Amino acid sequence: MCVASIYEARRDMCAISAVTWQELKRGVSRLSEGRKKKYLECCLESYEECFDVIPYDKFSASICGEIQARAEKDGKPLPNYDSQIAATAISNGMVLVTHNTADFEQMKENAFLRVEDWFRA
């Protein structure tokens, strides 16, 4: 099954975490003016229309703090943004969809995090 068909089947259940939204906006804003930046700005406008942006709230922050503390006790500190994204997915009972699954493997070990890579489905 291709990414587009997976998305179409689940589009009503898809959202973007506020932390991911921040990373996307930052990345595009840092680009030099040009066709690539204009294209990506249009993509972000489309995403904003299609997806809810899920806030990083107190519940997510509590989960994030617990996950980070467990990882630090194991001597394996976690990246802050990735931890926040994972905690947002966990606190909302959602699956974290990413092509970069390796960044979330350790968090899967320390919390109930479900991760899918739709590019490898």
N, C-alpha and C. Protein backbone atom coordinates (compact mmCIF):
# COMPACT_ATOMS: atom_id res chain seq x y z
N MET A 1 0.86 -1.18 0.00
CA MET A 1 0.00 0.00 0.00
C MET A 1 0.90 1.24 0.00
N CYS A 2 0.58 2.23 -0.80
CA CYS A 2 1.41 3.44 -0.88
C CYS A 2 0.99 4.46 0.18
N VAL A 3 1.87 5.44 0.41
CA VAL A 3 1.64 6.46 1.42
C VAL A 3 0.30 7.17 1.19
N ALA A 4 0.02 7.53 -0.05
CA ALA A 4 -1.21 8.27 -0.35
C ALA A 4 -2.45 7.46 0.03
N SER A 5 -2.44 6.17 -0.25
CA SER A 5 -3.63 5.37 0.07
C SER A 5 -3.75 5.14 1.57
N ILE A 6 -2.63 5.01 2.26
CA ILE A 6 -2.68 4.90 3.73
C ILE A 6 -3.25 6.17 4.31
N TYR A 7 -2.76 7.31 3.83
CA TYR A 7 -3.26 8.60 4.32
C TYR A 7 -4.76 8.74 4.03
N GLU A 8 -5.18 8.42 2.82
CA GLU A 8 -6.60 8.56 2.46
C GLU A 8 -7.48 7.72 3.38
N ALA A 9 -7.00 6.53 3.72
CA ALA A 9 -7.79 5.65 4.58
C ALA A 9 -7.88 6.17 6.02
N ARG A 10 -6.93 7.02 6.41
CA ARG A 10 -6.86 7.47 7.81
C ARG A 10 -6.92 8.99 7.97
N ARG A 11 -7.22 9.69 6.93
CA ARG A 11 -7.12 11.15 6.95
C ARG A 11 -7.90 11.81 8.08
N ASP A 12 -9.02 11.26 8.48
CA ASP A 12 -9.81 11.85 9.56
C ASP A 12 -9.17 11.66 10.93
N MET A 13 -8.16 10.82 11.01
CA MET A 13 -7.49 10.55 12.28
C MET A 13 -6.10 11.19 12.33
N CYS A 14 -5.73 11.95 11.31
CA CYS A 14 -4.38 12.52 11.23
C CYS A 14 -4.33 13.93 11.81
N ALA A 15 -3.22 14.24 12.44
CA ALA A 15 -2.98 15.57 13.00
C ALA A 15 -1.48 15.79 13.05
N ILE A 16 -1.09 17.01 13.33
CA ILE A 16 0.33 17.37 13.47
C ILE A 16 0.51 17.91 14.88
N SER A 17 1.57 17.47 15.56
CA SER A 17 1.84 18.01 16.89
C SER A 17 2.31 19.46 16.76
N ALA A 18 2.04 20.25 17.77
CA ALA A 18 2.48 21.65 17.76
C ALA A 18 4.01 21.74 17.66
N VAL A 19 4.70 20.78 18.25
CA VAL A 19 6.16 20.78 18.20
C VAL A 19 6.63 20.50 16.78
N THR A 20 5.98 19.57 16.10
CA THR A 20 6.32 19.30 14.70
C THR A 20 6.03 20.53 13.84
N TRP A 21 4.89 21.17 14.11
CA TRP A 21 4.53 22.38 13.36
C TRP A 21 5.62 23.44 13.54
N GLN A 22 6.09 23.60 14.76
CA GLN A 22 7.17 24.56 15.04
C GLN A 22 8.41 24.20 14.22
N GLU A 23 8.78 22.93 14.20
CA GLU A 23 9.96 22.51 13.44
C GLU A 23 9.79 22.78 11.95
N LEU A 24 8.60 22.51 11.42
CA LEU A 24 8.33 22.76 10.01
C LEU A 24 8.43 24.25 9.68
N LYS A 25 7.77 25.08 10.50
CA LYS A 25 7.80 26.53 10.27
C LYS A 25 9.23 27.08 10.37
N ARG A 26 9.96 26.63 11.35
CA ARG A 26 11.35 27.07 11.52
C ARG A 26 12.18 26.69 10.31
N GLY A 27 12.06 25.45 9.86
CA GLY A 27 12.83 24.98 8.73
C GLY A 27 12.56 25.78 7.47
N VAL A 28 11.30 26.03 7.19
CA VAL A 28 10.95 26.79 5.98
C VAL A 28 11.37 28.24 6.13
N SER A 29 11.20 28.81 7.30
CA SER A 29 11.55 30.22 7.52
C SER A 29 13.05 30.48 7.37
N ARG A 30 13.85 29.46 7.63
CA ARG A 30 15.31 29.62 7.54
C ARG A 30 15.82 29.57 6.09
N LEU A 31 14.99 29.09 5.17
CA LEU A 31 15.44 28.96 3.78
C LEU A 31 15.59 30.32 3.12
N SER A 32 16.50 30.39 2.17
CA SER A 32 16.64 31.59 1.35
C SER A 32 15.44 31.70 0.43
N GLU A 33 15.11 32.93 0.07
CA GLU A 33 13.99 33.14 -0.85
C GLU A 33 14.26 32.39 -2.15
N GLY A 34 13.21 31.83 -2.71
CA GLY A 34 13.36 31.10 -3.96
C GLY A 34 12.21 30.13 -4.17
N ARG A 35 12.31 29.34 -5.24
CA ARG A 35 11.24 28.41 -5.59
C ARG A 35 11.01 27.35 -4.52
N LYS A 36 12.09 26.82 -3.96
CA LYS A 36 11.95 25.78 -2.94
C LYS A 36 11.18 26.31 -1.73
N LYS A 37 11.55 27.51 -1.27
CA LYS A 37 10.88 28.09 -0.11
C LYS A 37 9.41 28.35 -0.42
N LYS A 38 9.11 28.89 -1.60
CA LYS A 38 7.72 29.16 -1.97
C LYS A 38 6.91 27.87 -2.02
N TYR A 39 7.51 26.83 -2.59
CA TYR A 39 6.83 25.54 -2.68
C TYR A 39 6.51 25.01 -1.27
N LEU A 40 7.51 25.05 -0.40
CA LEU A 40 7.31 24.53 0.96
C LEU A 40 6.32 25.38 1.76
N GLU A 41 6.31 26.70 1.53
CA GLU A 41 5.30 27.55 2.18
C GLU A 41 3.90 27.15 1.74
N CYS A 42 3.75 26.83 0.46
CA CYS A 42 2.45 26.36 -0.03
C CYS A 42 2.07 25.03 0.60
N CYS A 43 3.06 24.16 0.77
CA CYS A 43 2.81 22.87 1.44
C CYS A 43 2.30 23.11 2.86
N LEU A 44 2.95 24.02 3.58
CA LEU A 44 2.54 24.30 4.96
C LEU A 44 1.13 24.87 5.00
N GLU A 45 0.80 25.73 4.06
CA GLU A 45 -0.56 26.28 4.00
C GLU A 45 -1.57 25.15 3.80
N SER A 46 -1.23 24.21 2.93
CA SER A 46 -2.10 23.07 2.68
C SER A 46 -2.23 22.20 3.93
N TYR A 47 -1.12 21.95 4.61
CA TYR A 47 -1.16 21.16 5.85
C TYR A 47 -2.03 21.83 6.89
N GLU A 48 -1.91 23.15 6.97
CA GLU A 48 -2.67 23.90 7.97
C GLU A 48 -4.18 23.76 7.73
N GLU A 49 -4.57 23.66 6.46
CA GLU A 49 -5.98 23.49 6.12
C GLU A 49 -6.45 22.06 6.35
N CYS A 50 -5.55 21.10 6.17
CA CYS A 50 -5.94 19.68 6.22
C CYS A 50 -5.83 19.04 7.60
N PHE A 51 -4.93 19.53 8.43
CA PHE A 51 -4.65 18.86 9.69
C PHE A 51 -4.90 19.76 10.89
N ASP A 52 -5.42 19.16 11.95
CA ASP A 52 -5.45 19.86 13.24
C ASP A 52 -4.02 19.88 13.76
N VAL A 53 -3.70 20.93 14.51
CA VAL A 53 -2.41 20.99 15.19
C VAL A 53 -2.70 20.72 16.66
N ILE A 54 -2.13 19.62 17.16
CA ILE A 54 -2.39 19.16 18.52
C ILE A 54 -1.42 19.86 19.47
N PRO A 55 -1.92 20.52 20.51
CA PRO A 55 -1.03 21.25 21.42
C PRO A 55 -0.15 20.35 22.29
N TYR A 56 0.99 20.89 22.65
CA TYR A 56 1.85 20.27 23.66
C TYR A 56 1.37 20.87 24.98
N ASP A 57 0.62 20.09 25.72
CA ASP A 57 -0.04 20.62 26.92
C ASP A 57 0.56 20.03 28.20
N LYS A 58 -0.09 20.31 29.31
CA LYS A 58 0.40 19.87 30.62
C LYS A 58 0.50 18.34 30.70
N PHE A 59 -0.49 17.62 30.17
CA PHE A 59 -0.47 16.16 30.20
C PHE A 59 0.69 15.63 29.36
N SER A 60 0.87 16.19 28.17
CA SER A 60 2.00 15.80 27.31
C SER A 60 3.32 16.10 28.01
N ALA A 61 3.41 17.25 28.64
CA ALA A 61 4.65 17.63 29.34
C ALA A 61 4.95 16.68 30.49
N SER A 62 3.93 16.22 31.19
CA SER A 62 4.14 15.26 32.28
C SER A 62 4.68 13.94 31.75
N ILE A 63 4.08 13.46 30.67
CA ILE A 63 4.55 12.22 30.05
C ILE A 63 5.98 12.39 29.55
N CYS A 64 6.25 13.51 28.92
CA CYS A 64 7.59 13.79 28.40
C CYS A 64 8.63 13.78 29.52
N GLY A 65 8.31 14.43 30.61
CA GLY A 65 9.24 14.48 31.74
C GLY A 65 9.55 13.09 32.28
N GLU A 66 8.52 12.25 32.36
CA GLU A 66 8.72 10.88 32.86
C GLU A 66 9.57 10.06 31.89
N ILE A 67 9.30 10.18 30.60
CA ILE A 67 10.07 9.44 29.60
C ILE A 67 11.54 9.89 29.63
N GLN A 68 11.75 11.19 29.69
CA GLN A 68 13.12 11.71 29.70
C GLN A 68 13.87 11.27 30.96
N ALA A 69 13.19 11.29 32.10
CA ALA A 69 13.83 10.88 33.36
C ALA A 69 14.24 9.41 33.30
N ARG A 70 13.35 8.54 32.80
CA ARG A 70 13.69 7.11 32.67
C ARG A 70 14.89 6.91 31.77
N ALA A 71 14.92 7.62 30.67
CA ALA A 71 16.03 7.50 29.72
C ALA A 71 17.33 8.00 30.33
N GLU A 72 17.26 9.10 31.07
CA GLU A 72 18.46 9.64 31.71
C GLU A 72 19.01 8.67 32.75
N LYS A 73 18.11 8.00 33.50
CA LYS A 73 18.55 7.00 34.48
C LYS A 73 19.29 5.85 33.80
N ASP A 74 18.88 5.56 32.55
CA ASP A 74 19.54 4.51 31.77
C ASP A 74 20.81 5.02 31.08
N GLY A 75 21.13 6.32 31.30
CA GLY A 75 22.32 6.90 30.68
C GLY A 75 22.16 7.21 29.21
N LYS A 76 20.90 7.34 28.76
CA LYS A 76 20.62 7.60 27.34
C LYS A 76 19.65 8.77 27.20
N PRO A 77 20.11 10.00 27.44
CA PRO A 77 19.21 11.15 27.35
C PRO A 77 18.57 11.26 25.95
N LEU A 78 17.36 11.76 25.93
CA LEU A 78 16.59 11.87 24.69
C LEU A 78 16.58 13.29 24.15
N PRO A 79 16.49 13.44 22.83
CA PRO A 79 16.35 14.78 22.25
C PRO A 79 15.03 15.42 22.71
N ASN A 80 15.08 16.68 23.04
CA ASN A 80 13.92 17.36 23.61
C ASN A 80 12.72 17.38 22.65
N TYR A 81 12.92 17.85 21.42
CA TYR A 81 11.78 17.96 20.49
C TYR A 81 11.17 16.60 20.20
N ASP A 82 12.01 15.59 19.93
CA ASP A 82 11.47 14.26 19.65
C ASP A 82 10.70 13.72 20.85
N SER A 83 11.18 13.98 22.06
CA SER A 83 10.47 13.54 23.27
C SER A 83 9.11 14.22 23.37
N GLN A 84 9.06 15.50 23.05
CA GLN A 84 7.80 16.24 23.10
C GLN A 84 6.81 15.72 22.05
N ILE A 85 7.31 15.42 20.87
CA ILE A 85 6.45 14.88 19.80
C ILE A 85 5.90 13.53 20.23
N ALA A 86 6.76 12.67 20.75
CA ALA A 86 6.33 11.35 21.21
C ALA A 86 5.30 11.47 22.34
N ALA A 87 5.56 12.34 23.30
CA ALA A 87 4.64 12.52 24.42
C ALA A 87 3.29 13.04 23.95
N THR A 88 3.27 13.89 22.95
CA THR A 88 2.01 14.39 22.40
C THR A 88 1.22 13.25 21.78
N ALA A 89 1.89 12.39 21.05
CA ALA A 89 1.20 11.22 20.46
C ALA A 89 0.65 10.31 21.56
N ILE A 90 1.46 10.03 22.56
CA ILE A 90 1.03 9.15 23.65
C ILE A 90 -0.16 9.76 24.39
N SER A 91 -0.07 11.03 24.73
CA SER A 91 -1.13 11.67 25.53
C SER A 91 -2.45 11.78 24.77
N ASN A 92 -2.39 11.71 23.45
CA ASN A 92 -3.61 11.79 22.65
C ASN A 92 -4.03 10.44 22.10
N GLY A 93 -3.35 9.37 22.52
CA GLY A 93 -3.69 8.03 22.07
C GLY A 93 -3.51 7.84 20.58
N MET A 94 -2.49 8.50 20.03
CA MET A 94 -2.28 8.46 18.59
C MET A 94 -1.02 7.68 18.23
N VAL A 95 -0.94 7.29 16.99
CA VAL A 95 0.25 6.65 16.43
C VAL A 95 1.14 7.75 15.88
N LEU A 96 2.43 7.68 16.16
CA LEU A 96 3.39 8.64 15.63
C LEU A 96 3.84 8.12 14.27
N VAL A 97 3.59 8.88 13.22
CA VAL A 97 3.96 8.49 11.87
C VAL A 97 5.20 9.27 11.48
N THR A 98 6.26 8.53 11.13
CA THR A 98 7.53 9.15 10.75
C THR A 98 8.30 8.19 9.85
N HIS A 99 9.12 8.74 8.99
CA HIS A 99 10.02 7.91 8.19
C HIS A 99 11.32 7.69 8.97
N ASN A 100 11.52 8.49 10.01
CA ASN A 100 12.73 8.42 10.81
C ASN A 100 12.45 7.65 12.11
N THR A 101 12.09 6.40 11.98
CA THR A 101 11.69 5.60 13.14
C THR A 101 12.83 5.40 14.15
N ALA A 102 14.06 5.40 13.68
CA ALA A 102 15.20 5.18 14.57
C ALA A 102 15.24 6.20 15.70
N ASP A 103 14.83 7.44 15.44
CA ASP A 103 14.86 8.49 16.46
C ASP A 103 13.88 8.21 17.60
N PHE A 104 12.93 7.32 17.38
CA PHE A 104 11.90 7.07 18.39
C PHE A 104 11.99 5.68 19.01
N GLU A 105 12.97 4.88 18.60
CA GLU A 105 13.11 3.52 19.13
C GLU A 105 13.28 3.51 20.65
N GLN A 106 14.15 4.35 21.16
CA GLN A 106 14.39 4.37 22.60
C GLN A 106 13.14 4.79 23.36
N MET A 107 12.36 5.70 22.79
CA MET A 107 11.13 6.13 23.45
C MET A 107 10.10 5.02 23.48
N LYS A 108 10.10 4.17 22.45
CA LYS A 108 9.19 3.02 22.45
C LYS A 108 9.53 2.08 23.60
N GLU A 109 10.80 2.02 23.97
CA GLU A 109 11.23 1.16 25.07
C GLU A 109 10.82 1.73 26.43
N ASN A 110 10.71 3.06 26.53
CA ASN A 110 10.44 3.72 27.81
C ASN A 110 8.99 4.15 28.00
N ALA A 111 8.15 3.92 27.00
CA ALA A 111 6.77 4.39 27.09
C ALA A 111 5.90 3.62 26.10
N PHE A 112 4.63 3.78 26.23
CA PHE A 112 3.70 3.15 25.30
C PHE A 112 3.56 4.05 24.08
N LEU A 113 4.53 3.93 23.20
CA LEU A 113 4.53 4.73 21.97
C LEU A 113 4.40 3.80 20.79
N ARG A 114 3.42 4.07 19.96
CA ARG A 114 3.25 3.32 18.71
C ARG A 114 3.78 4.17 17.57
N VAL A 115 4.64 3.57 16.75
CA VAL A 115 5.27 4.28 15.64
C VAL A 115 5.02 3.51 14.35
N GLU A 116 4.70 4.25 13.28
CA GLU A 116 4.54 3.64 11.95
C GLU A 116 5.33 4.45 10.94
N ASP A 117 5.89 3.75 9.97
CA ASP A 117 6.57 4.38 8.84
C ASP A 117 5.74 4.05 7.59
N TRP A 118 4.98 5.00 7.12
CA TRP A 118 4.10 4.76 5.99
C TRP A 118 4.86 4.63 4.68
N PHE A 119 6.13 5.03 4.66
CA PHE A 119 6.94 4.89 3.45
C PHE A 119 7.44 3.46 3.30
N ARG A 120 7.37 2.69 4.36
CA ARG A 120 7.80 1.30 4.31
C ARG A 120 6.64 0.33 4.43
N ALA A 121 5.44 0.85 4.38
CA ALA A 121 4.25 0.00 4.53
C ALA A 121 3.98 -0.82 3.30
